[in-house]
C-alpha atoms as a PDB file:
ATOM      1  CA  HIS A   1      54.311  72.270  73.928  1.00  0.00           C
ATOM      2  CA  ASP A   2      57.341  73.664  75.734  1.00  0.00           C
ATOM      3  CA  VAL A   3      61.111  73.144  76.017  1.00  0.00           C
ATOM      4  CA  GLN A   4      63.308  74.915  78.576  1.00  0.00           C
ATOM      5  CA  TRP A   5      66.993  74.542  79.351  1.00  0.00           C
ATOM      6  CA  ALA A   6      68.100  74.328  82.977  1.00  0.00           C
ATOM      7  CA  PRO A   7      70.102  77.372  84.124  1.00  0.00           C
ATOM      8  CA  GLY A   8      73.312  75.341  84.102  1.00  0.00           C
ATOM      9  CA  GLY A   9      72.874  74.499  80.426  1.00  0.00           C
ATOM     10  CA  ASN A  10      73.600  70.798  80.898  1.00  0.00           C
ATOM     11  CA  GLU A  11      70.029  69.503  80.541  1.00  0.00           C
ATOM     12  CA  PHE A  12      66.560  70.542  79.444  1.00  0.00           C
ATOM     13  CA  CYS A  13      62.953  69.617  80.142  1.00  0.00           C
ATOM     14  CA  ALA A  14      60.506  69.063  77.289  1.00  0.00           C
ATOM     15  CA  ILE A  15      56.728  68.648  77.228  1.00  0.00           C
ATOM     16  CA  SER A  16      55.486  66.946  74.088  1.00  0.00           C
ATOM     17  CA  GLY A  17      52.907  64.615  72.589  1.00  0.00           C
ATOM     18  CA  PHE A  18      49.156  64.494  72.381  1.00  0.00           C
ATOM     19  CA  ALA A  19      47.075  65.404  75.413  1.00  0.00           C
ATOM     20  CA  PRO A  20      47.736  64.481  78.082  1.00  0.00           C
ATOM     21  CA  ALA A  21      51.275  65.567  77.238  1.00  0.00           C
ATOM     22  CA  ARG A  22      54.375  63.778  78.506  1.00  0.00           C
ATOM     23  CA  ALA A  23      57.174  65.658  80.293  1.00  0.00           C
ATOM     24  CA  ALA A  24      60.732  64.326  80.322  1.00  0.00           C
ATOM     25  CA  LEU A  25      64.257  65.410  81.246  1.00  0.00           C
ATOM     26  CA  PHE A  26      67.086  65.172  78.692  1.00  0.00           C
ATOM     27  CA  ASN A  27      70.847  65.691  78.930  1.00  0.00           C
ATOM     28  CA  ALA A  28      72.870  67.862  76.536  1.00  0.00           C
ATOM     29  CA  ASN A  29      73.126  64.932  74.120  1.00  0.00           C
ATOM     30  CA  CYS A  30      69.317  64.672  73.890  1.00  0.00           C
ATOM     31  CA  VAL A  31      69.291  61.402  75.829  1.00  0.00           C
ATOM     32  CA  GLN A  32      66.272  61.051  78.115  1.00  0.00           C
ATOM     33  CA  THR A  33      67.290  60.779  81.747  1.00  0.00           C
ATOM     34  CA  HIS A  34      63.908  60.937  83.496  1.00  0.00           C
ATOM     35  CA  ASP A  35      60.218  60.615  82.639  1.00  0.00           C
ATOM     36  CA  PHE A  36      57.714  62.706  84.591  1.00  0.00           C
ATOM     37  CA  GLY A  37      54.708  60.929  83.114  1.00  0.00           C
ATOM     38  CA  GLU A  38      51.610  62.297  81.420  1.00  0.00           C
ATOM     39  CA  ALA A  39      49.395  65.109  82.650  1.00  0.00           C
ATOM     40  CA  ALA A  40      47.452  68.153  81.430  1.00  0.00           C
ATOM     41  CA  ARG A  41      50.372  70.562  81.181  1.00  0.00           C
ATOM     42  CA  ASN A  42      52.057  72.769  78.600  1.00  0.00           C
ATOM     43  CA  THR A  43      54.572  74.849  80.562  1.00  0.00           C
ATOM     44  CA  VAL A  44      57.933  74.262  82.215  1.00  0.00           C
ATOM     45  CA  CYS A  45      59.818  76.962  84.128  1.00  0.00           C
ATOM     46  CA  TRP A  46      63.157  76.588  85.945  1.00  0.00           C
ATOM     47  CA  ALA A  47      64.133  78.563  89.034  1.00  0.00           C
ATOM     48  CA  PRO A  48      67.238  80.711  88.435  1.00  0.00           C
ATOM     49  CA  HIS A  49      69.427  78.533  90.706  1.00  0.00           C
ATOM     50  CA  GLY A  50      68.298  75.337  88.950  1.00  0.00           C
ATOM     51  CA  ARG A  51      67.151  73.407  92.015  1.00  0.00           C
ATOM     52  CA  SER A  52      63.424  73.935  91.420  1.00  0.00           C
ATOM     53  CA  PHE A  53      61.169  73.860  88.402  1.00  0.00           C
ATOM     54  CA  ILE A  54      57.460  73.826  87.770  1.00  0.00           C
ATOM     55  CA  LEU A  55      55.300  71.910  85.324  1.00  0.00           C
ATOM     56  CA  GLY A  56      52.018  73.653  84.640  1.00  0.00           C
ATOM     57  CA  GLY A  57      48.931  73.516  82.474  1.00  0.00           C
ATOM     58  CA  PHE A  58      47.957  77.097  81.670  1.00  0.00           C
ATOM     59  CA  GLY A  59      46.016  78.807  78.892  1.00  0.00           C
ATOM     60  CA  ASN A  60      43.289  76.484  77.652  1.00  0.00           C
ATOM     61  CA  LEU A  61      44.179  73.847  80.262  1.00  0.00           C
ATOM     62  CA  GLY A  62      42.836  73.537  83.788  1.00  0.00           C
ATOM     63  CA  GLY A  63      45.627  75.301  85.671  1.00  0.00           C
ATOM     64  CA  GLN A  64      47.361  72.335  87.336  1.00  0.00           C
ATOM     65  CA  LEU A  65      50.686  73.521  88.773  1.00  0.00           C
ATOM     66  CA  SER A  66      53.301  71.050  90.085  1.00  0.00           C
ATOM     67  CA  PHE A  67      56.455  71.981  91.991  1.00  0.00           C
ATOM     68  CA  TRP A  68      59.462  69.679  91.482  1.00  0.00           C
ATOM     69  CA  ASP A  69      62.801  69.236  93.217  1.00  0.00           C
ATOM     70  CA  ARG A  70      65.557  68.592  90.681  1.00  0.00           C
ATOM     71  CA  LYS A  71      67.824  67.036  93.294  1.00  0.00           C
ATOM     72  CA  THR A  72      65.386  64.259  94.218  1.00  0.00           C
ATOM     73  CA  LEU A  73      63.235  64.375  91.049  1.00  0.00           C
ATOM     74  CA  LYS A  74      60.164  64.280  93.264  1.00  0.00           C
ATOM     75  CA  CYS A  75      56.982  66.300  93.013  1.00  0.00           C
ATOM     76  CA  LEU A  76      56.707  68.351  96.199  1.00  0.00           C
ATOM     77  CA  ASN A  77      53.139  69.554  95.680  1.00  0.00           C
ATOM     78  CA  THR A  78      50.467  70.058  93.028  1.00  0.00           C
ATOM     79  CA  VAL A  79      48.105  73.023  93.331  1.00  0.00           C
ATOM     80  CA  ASP A  80      45.327  74.724  91.387  1.00  0.00           C
ATOM     81  CA  ALA A  81      46.429  77.857  89.508  1.00  0.00           C
ATOM     82  CA  HIS A  82      43.607  78.144  86.992  1.00  0.00           C
ATOM     83  CA  MET A  83      43.334  81.248  84.780  1.00  0.00           C
ATOM     84  CA  THR A  84      47.033  82.069  85.261  1.00  0.00           C
ATOM     85  CA  VAL A  85      48.166  84.625  82.691  1.00  0.00           C
ATOM     86  CA  ALA A  86      51.686  85.461  83.948  1.00  0.00           C
ATOM     87  CA  HIS A  87      54.156  83.427  85.999  1.00  0.00           C
ATOM     88  CA  ALA A  88      57.807  83.773  87.019  1.00  0.00           C
ATOM     89  CA  TRP A  89      60.393  82.707  89.587  1.00  0.00           C
ATOM     90  CA  SER A  90      61.932  85.367  91.795  1.00  0.00           C
ATOM     91  CA  PRO A  91      65.649  86.069  91.209  1.00  0.00           C
ATOM     92  CA  ASP A  92      66.560  84.327  94.495  1.00  0.00           C
ATOM     93  CA  SER A  93      64.601  81.151  93.530  1.00  0.00           C
ATOM     94  CA  ARG A  94      62.622  81.282  96.780  1.00  0.00           C
ATOM     95  CA  TYR A  95      59.260  82.417  95.412  1.00  0.00           C
ATOM     96  CA  PHE A  96      57.091  81.640  92.401  1.00  0.00           C
ATOM     97  CA  LEU A  97      54.590  84.186  91.129  1.00  0.00           C
ATOM     98  CA  THR A  98      51.305  83.484  89.345  1.00  0.00           C
ATOM     99  CA  ALA A  99      48.956  86.255  88.260  1.00  0.00           C
ATOM    100  CA  ILE A 100      45.556  86.707  86.627  1.00  0.00           C
ATOM    101  CA  LEU A 101      45.814  89.872  84.558  1.00  0.00           C
ATOM    102  CA  TRP A 102      43.490  92.356  82.905  1.00  0.00           C
ATOM    103  CA  PRO A 103      42.451  92.709  80.086  1.00  0.00           C
ATOM    104  CA  ARG A 104      43.209  89.081  79.191  1.00  0.00           C
ATOM    105  CA  LEU A 105      40.775  88.153  81.961  1.00  0.00           C
ATOM    106  CA  ARG A 106      38.358  90.644  83.474  1.00  0.00           C
ATOM    107  CA  VAL A 107      37.494  88.727  86.656  1.00  0.00           C
ATOM    108  CA  ASP A 108      39.500  87.566  89.691  1.00  0.00           C
ATOM    109  CA  ASN A 109      42.465  89.784  88.819  1.00  0.00           C
ATOM    110  CA  GLY A 110      45.318  89.503  91.299  1.00  0.00           C
ATOM    111  CA  TYR A 111      48.437  87.526  92.118  1.00  0.00           C
ATOM    112  CA  LYS A 112      49.685  84.655  94.290  1.00  0.00           C
ATOM    113  CA  ILE A 113      53.139  83.881  95.643  1.00  0.00           C
ATOM    114  CA  TRP A 114      54.213  80.283  96.248  1.00  0.00           C
ATOM    115  CA  SER A 115      57.221  78.710  97.945  1.00  0.00           C
ATOM    116  CA  PRO A 116      59.445  76.196  96.072  1.00  0.00           C
ATOM    117  CA  ASN A 117      57.501  73.329  97.665  1.00  0.00           C
ATOM    118  CA  GLY A 118      54.142  74.669  96.491  1.00  0.00           C
ATOM    119  CA  THR A 119      52.954  76.291  99.710  1.00  0.00           C
ATOM    120  CA  LEU A 120      50.808  79.380  99.162  1.00  0.00           C
ATOM    121  CA  LEU A 121      52.536  82.232 100.990  1.00  0.00           C
ATOM    122  CA  HIS A 122      50.500  85.241  99.931  1.00  0.00           C
ATOM    123  CA  GLN A 123      47.677  86.258  97.627  1.00  0.00           C
ATOM    124  CA  GLU A 124      45.991  89.532  96.815  1.00  0.00           C
ATOM    125  CA  ARG A 125      43.045  90.547  94.645  1.00  0.00           C
ATOM    126  CA  ILE A 126      43.642  93.740  92.659  1.00  0.00           C
ATOM    127  CA  GLU A 127      40.916  94.893  90.302  1.00  0.00           C
ATOM    128  CA  GLU A 128      42.145  95.364  86.716  1.00  0.00           C
ATOM    129  CA  LEU A 129      45.700  94.324  87.550  1.00  0.00           C
ATOM    130  CA  SER A 130      47.517  94.432  84.203  1.00  0.00           C
ATOM    131  CA  VAL A 131      51.185  93.759  85.074  1.00  0.00           C
ATOM    132  CA  ALA A 132      52.849  91.521  87.676  1.00  0.00           C
ATOM    133  CA  MET A 133      56.588  90.861  87.571  1.00  0.00           C
ATOM    134  CA  TRP A 134      59.696  90.641  89.736  1.00  0.00           C
ATOM    135  CA  ARG A 135      62.243  93.440  89.864  1.00  0.00           C
ATOM    136  CA  PRO A 136      65.187  92.214  87.741  1.00  0.00           C
ATOM    137  CA  ALA A 137      68.282  91.086  89.614  1.00  0.00           C
ATOM    138  CA  PRO A 138      71.075  88.586  88.895  1.00  0.00           C
ATOM    139  CA  ALA A 139      70.686  85.184  90.507  1.00  0.00           C
ATOM    140  CA  SER A 140      74.362  85.341  91.501  1.00  0.00           C
ATOM    141  CA  ALA A 141      73.471  88.089  93.982  1.00  0.00           C
ATOM    142  CA  TYR A 142      71.623  85.520  96.128  1.00  0.00           C
ATOM    143  CA  ASP A 143      72.555  82.280  97.846  1.00  0.00           C
ATOM    144  CA  SER A 144      70.755  79.118  96.837  1.00  0.00           C
ATOM    145  CA  PRO A 145      67.584  78.348  98.856  1.00  0.00           C
ATOM    146  CA  ASP A 146      68.175  76.161 101.902  1.00  0.00           C
ATOM    147  CA  GLU A 147      66.808  72.647 102.275  1.00  0.00           C
ATOM    148  CA  SER A 148      63.775  73.766 104.273  1.00  0.00           C
ATOM    149  CA  CYS A 149      62.335  75.253 101.080  1.00  0.00           C
ATOM    150  CA  PHE A 150      62.069  71.775  99.566  1.00  0.00           C
ATOM    151  CA  ALA A 151      60.247  69.912 102.322  1.00  0.00           C
ATOM    152  CA  PRO A 152      57.377  67.977 100.686  1.00  0.00           C
ATOM    153  CA  VAL A 153      53.920  69.202 101.560  1.00  0.00           C
ATOM    154  CA  ALA A 154      51.982  66.673 103.657  1.00  0.00           C
ATOM    155  CA  ALA A 155      49.471  64.672 101.660  1.00  0.00           C
ATOM    156  CA  ALA A 156      46.676  65.606 104.057  1.00  0.00           C
ATOM    157  CA  ALA A 157      47.379  69.313 103.664  1.00  0.00           C
ATOM    158  CA  ALA A 158      47.470  68.988  99.896  1.00  0.00           C
ATOM    159  CA  ALA A 159      44.144  67.145  99.882  1.00  0.00           C
ATOM    160  CA  LYS A 160      42.574  69.782 102.079  1.00  0.00           C
ATOM    161  CA  GLY A 161      43.797  72.551  99.804  1.00  0.00           C
ATOM    162  CA  SER A 162      42.256  70.877  96.775  1.00  0.00           C
ATOM    163  CA  THR A 163      38.785  70.489  98.316  1.00  0.00           C
ATOM    164  CA  PRO A 164      36.230  72.283  96.098  1.00  0.00           C
ATOM    165  CA  THR A 165      34.747  75.399  97.656  1.00  0.00           C
ATOM    166  CA  ARG A 166      31.224  76.739  97.333  1.00  0.00           C
ATOM    167  CA  TYR A 167      30.677  79.144  94.436  1.00  0.00           C
ATOM    168  CA  VAL A 168      30.150  82.728  95.519  1.00  0.00           C
ATOM    169  CA  PRO A 169      28.618  85.209  93.041  1.00  0.00           C
ATOM    170  CA  PRO A 170      31.028  88.042  92.116  1.00  0.00           C
ATOM    171  CA  SER A 171      28.729  90.665  93.657  1.00  0.00           C
ATOM    172  CA  MET A 172      28.979  88.911  97.023  1.00  0.00           C
ATOM    173  CA  ARG A 173      32.722  88.330  97.108  1.00  0.00           C
ATOM    174  CA  GLY A 174      34.880  90.267  99.525  1.00  0.00           C
ATOM    175  CA  ALA A 175      38.387  91.596  98.996  1.00  0.00           C
ATOM    176  CA  ALA A 176      41.557  89.658  99.780  1.00  0.00           C
ATOM    177  CA  VAL A 177      42.818  90.015 103.315  1.00  0.00           C
ATOM    178  CA  SER A 178      46.560  89.879 103.881  1.00  0.00           C
ATOM    179  CA  GLY A 179      48.037  88.745 107.155  1.00  0.00           C
ATOM    180  CA  GLY A 180      51.357  88.052 108.743  1.00  0.00           C
ATOM    181  CA  GLY A 181      53.255  84.848 109.207  1.00  0.00           C
ATOM    182  CA  GLY A 182      54.810  82.513 106.725  1.00  0.00           C
ATOM    183  CA  GLY A 183      51.816  80.386 105.756  1.00  0.00           C
ATOM    184  CA  ASN A 184      48.704  81.025 103.787  1.00  0.00           C
ATOM    185  CA  CYS A 185      48.159  84.617 104.842  1.00  0.00           C
ATOM    186  CA  SER A 186      45.246  85.598 102.672  1.00  0.00           C
ATOM    187  CA  LEU A 187      41.630  84.491 102.716  1.00  0.00           C
ATOM    188  CA  LEU A 188      38.630  85.485 100.676  1.00  0.00           C
ATOM    189  CA  ARG A 189      35.838  87.051 102.646  1.00  0.00           C
ATOM    190  CA  GLU A 190      32.717  85.582 101.110  1.00  0.00           C
ATOM    191  CA  GLY A 191      30.422  88.184 102.597  1.00  0.00           C
ATOM    192  CA  LEU A 192      27.386  85.937 102.260  1.00  0.00           C
ATOM    193  CA  ARG A 193      24.025  87.297 103.345  1.00  0.00           C
ATOM    194  CA  PRO A 194      21.779  84.205 103.406  1.00  0.00           C
ATOM    195  CA  LEU A 195      18.578  85.943 104.473  1.00  0.00           C
ATOM    196  CA  GLN A 196      18.916  88.832 102.047  1.00  0.00           C
ATOM    197  CA  HIS A 197      19.905  86.454  99.241  1.00  0.00           C
ATOM    198  CA  ARG A 198      16.774  84.368  99.997  1.00  0.00           C
ATOM    199  CA  ARG A 199      14.592  87.460  99.882  1.00  0.00           C
ATOM    200  CA  GLU A 200      16.023  88.491  96.506  1.00  0.00           C
ATOM    201  CA  LEU A 201      15.248  85.052  95.089  1.00  0.00           C
ATOM    202  CA  LEU A 202      11.681  85.145  96.464  1.00  0.00           C
ATOM    203  CA  ASN A 203      11.138  88.606  94.997  1.00  0.00           C
ATOM    204  CA  LEU A 204      12.315  87.490  91.569  1.00  0.00           C
ATOM    205  CA  LEU A 205      10.158  84.374  91.716  1.00  0.00           C
ATOM    206  CA  ALA A 206       7.102  86.344  92.860  1.00  0.00           C
ATOM    207  CA  LEU A 207       7.552  88.963  90.137  1.00  0.00           C
ATOM    208  CA  GLY A 208       7.786  86.276  87.460  1.00  0.00           C
ATOM    209  CA  LEU A 209       4.661  84.505  88.683  1.00  0.00           C
ATOM    210  CA  GLN A 210       2.760  87.772  88.891  1.00  0.00           C
ATOM    211  CA  LEU A 211       3.597  88.593  85.280  1.00  0.00           C
ATOM    212  CA  VAL A 212       2.331  85.176  84.227  1.00  0.00           C
ATOM    213  CA  GLU A 213      -0.957  85.806  86.076  1.00  0.00           C
ATOM    214  CA  VAL A 214      -1.401  89.227  84.460  1.00  0.00           C
ATOM    215  CA  LEU A 215      -0.809  87.812  81.007  1.00  0.00           C
ATOM    216  CA  ALA A 216      -3.354  85.080  81.672  1.00  0.00           C
ATOM    217  CA  TRP A 217      -5.884  87.720  82.811  1.00  0.00           C
ATOM    218  CA  HIS A 218      -5.447  89.693  79.595  1.00  0.00           C
ATOM    219  CA  THR A 219      -5.964  86.484  77.627  1.00  0.00           C
ATOM    220  CA  ARG A 220      -9.359  85.812  79.234  1.00  0.00           C
ATOM    221  CA  LYS A 221     -10.304  89.492  79.502  1.00  0.00           C
ATOM    222  CA  GLY A 222     -13.336  88.982  77.237  1.00  0.00           C
ATOM    223  CA  GLY A 223     -14.956  86.798  79.920  1.00  0.00           C
ATOM    224  CA  GLY A 224     -14.789  89.551  82.529  1.00  0.00           C
ATOM    225  CA  ALA A 225     -12.346  87.751  84.801  1.00  0.00           C
ATOM    226  CA  GLY A 226      -9.761  89.812  86.626  1.00  0.00           C
ATOM    227  CA  PRO A 227      -6.563  88.933  88.430  1.00  0.00           C
ATOM    228  CA  GLY A 228      -7.342  86.128  90.841  1.00  0.00           C
ATOM    229  CA  ALA A 229      -6.341  85.107  94.349  1.00  0.00           C
ATOM    230  CA  ASN A 230      -3.042  83.740  93.148  1.00  0.00           C
ATOM    231  CA  SER A 231      -1.940  87.219  92.076  1.00  0.00           C
ATOM    232  CA  ARG A 232      -2.842  88.741  95.451  1.00  0.00           C
ATOM    233  CA  LEU A 233      -0.987  85.933  97.222  1.00  0.00           C
ATOM    234  CA  ILE A 234       2.119  86.673  95.182  1.00  0.00           C
ATOM    235  CA  VAL A 235       1.998  90.338  96.171  1.00  0.00           C
ATOM    236  CA  ASN A 236       1.742  89.324  99.821  1.00  0.00           C
ATOM    237  CA  VAL A 237       4.773  87.055  99.491  1.00  0.00           C
ATOM    238  CA  ARG A 238       6.757  89.921  98.007  1.00  0.00           C
ATOM    239  CA  ASN A 239       5.739  92.308 100.759  1.00  0.00           C
ATOM    240  CA  ARG A 240       6.549  89.837 103.538  1.00  0.00           C
ATOM    241  CA  ALA A 241       9.922  88.943 101.993  1.00  0.00           C
END
């Protein structure tokens, strides 16, 4: 599925096998030194300084994205990055970019920026975003990230972040809102209008029922029957909605 050498060139990570694929770390002599287990993933990407790497399941997989610390060989956090089209580490190894790009996908275009421990730092929705990348720079121009970048995310916070959210129709979704601070600084304004949404549903239902009544009237037209009380009731429901 994927094989990537570490920046130092002394080891590589490979994802292989039938689904769910197995990820493992090998030294330069192709001797396995660590097994990361099986999961739905097909992508490995090392940070330029070699301390961090991600294991992800993009493309036709569900978008699971895991952040790993090479020093401890521990998973710091696993997040949902479904529909990711482009991804890359920043030259200073402090940020990881994921993006949903147009025209590969025509909905939810935008990008997210994560810390090395899998904390969402920023996200932004940009309609028809077609390119997202870091400005090129040599990794040697930056110091290695400090230890605070690799603090494991609390299990409770990870569980909260993975809680399924209510589906919001595209026509009722708001734009991304960016804020300050170092945490999750962007939220989606749902812009729900419960009463108006209820009225739209009632109108559609009433219109459908009225059409059924009219068709039934035409069917029995030879008997002299016209639209009945049910049809008038439907019109009243529409007017009151």
